[in-house]
């Protein structure tokens, strides 16, 4: 059975407009190592997989093909603010509802 990981990594990287080299730099590895993940000749370890999910603002389940929705996760180690991540996944009307609930 073919792994969904290489294709999903490529999708998420291109969605963010990153090159393989830029993705590798964010991950703290060499570009050749990252390229092997996308080609399917190597799989990341668990720690690296979690970092990839944080970088691409998605879940490990999505990257592994266990979920069809690319929903962000909220890692405690992530550098991004949780409110910013939440704002990225909410629609405008949902954001307005949250603001209304917080200000009422």
Foldseek 3Di string as FASTA:
>chain_A
DDWQQLVLLVVLCVVVPHDLQRLCVQLVHHSVVSVCRNVVVDPDDPVSLVSSLLVSQFDSCCNRVVDVDGHGDDDPPRPDDPVVSVVVPDDPVVVVVVVVVVVD
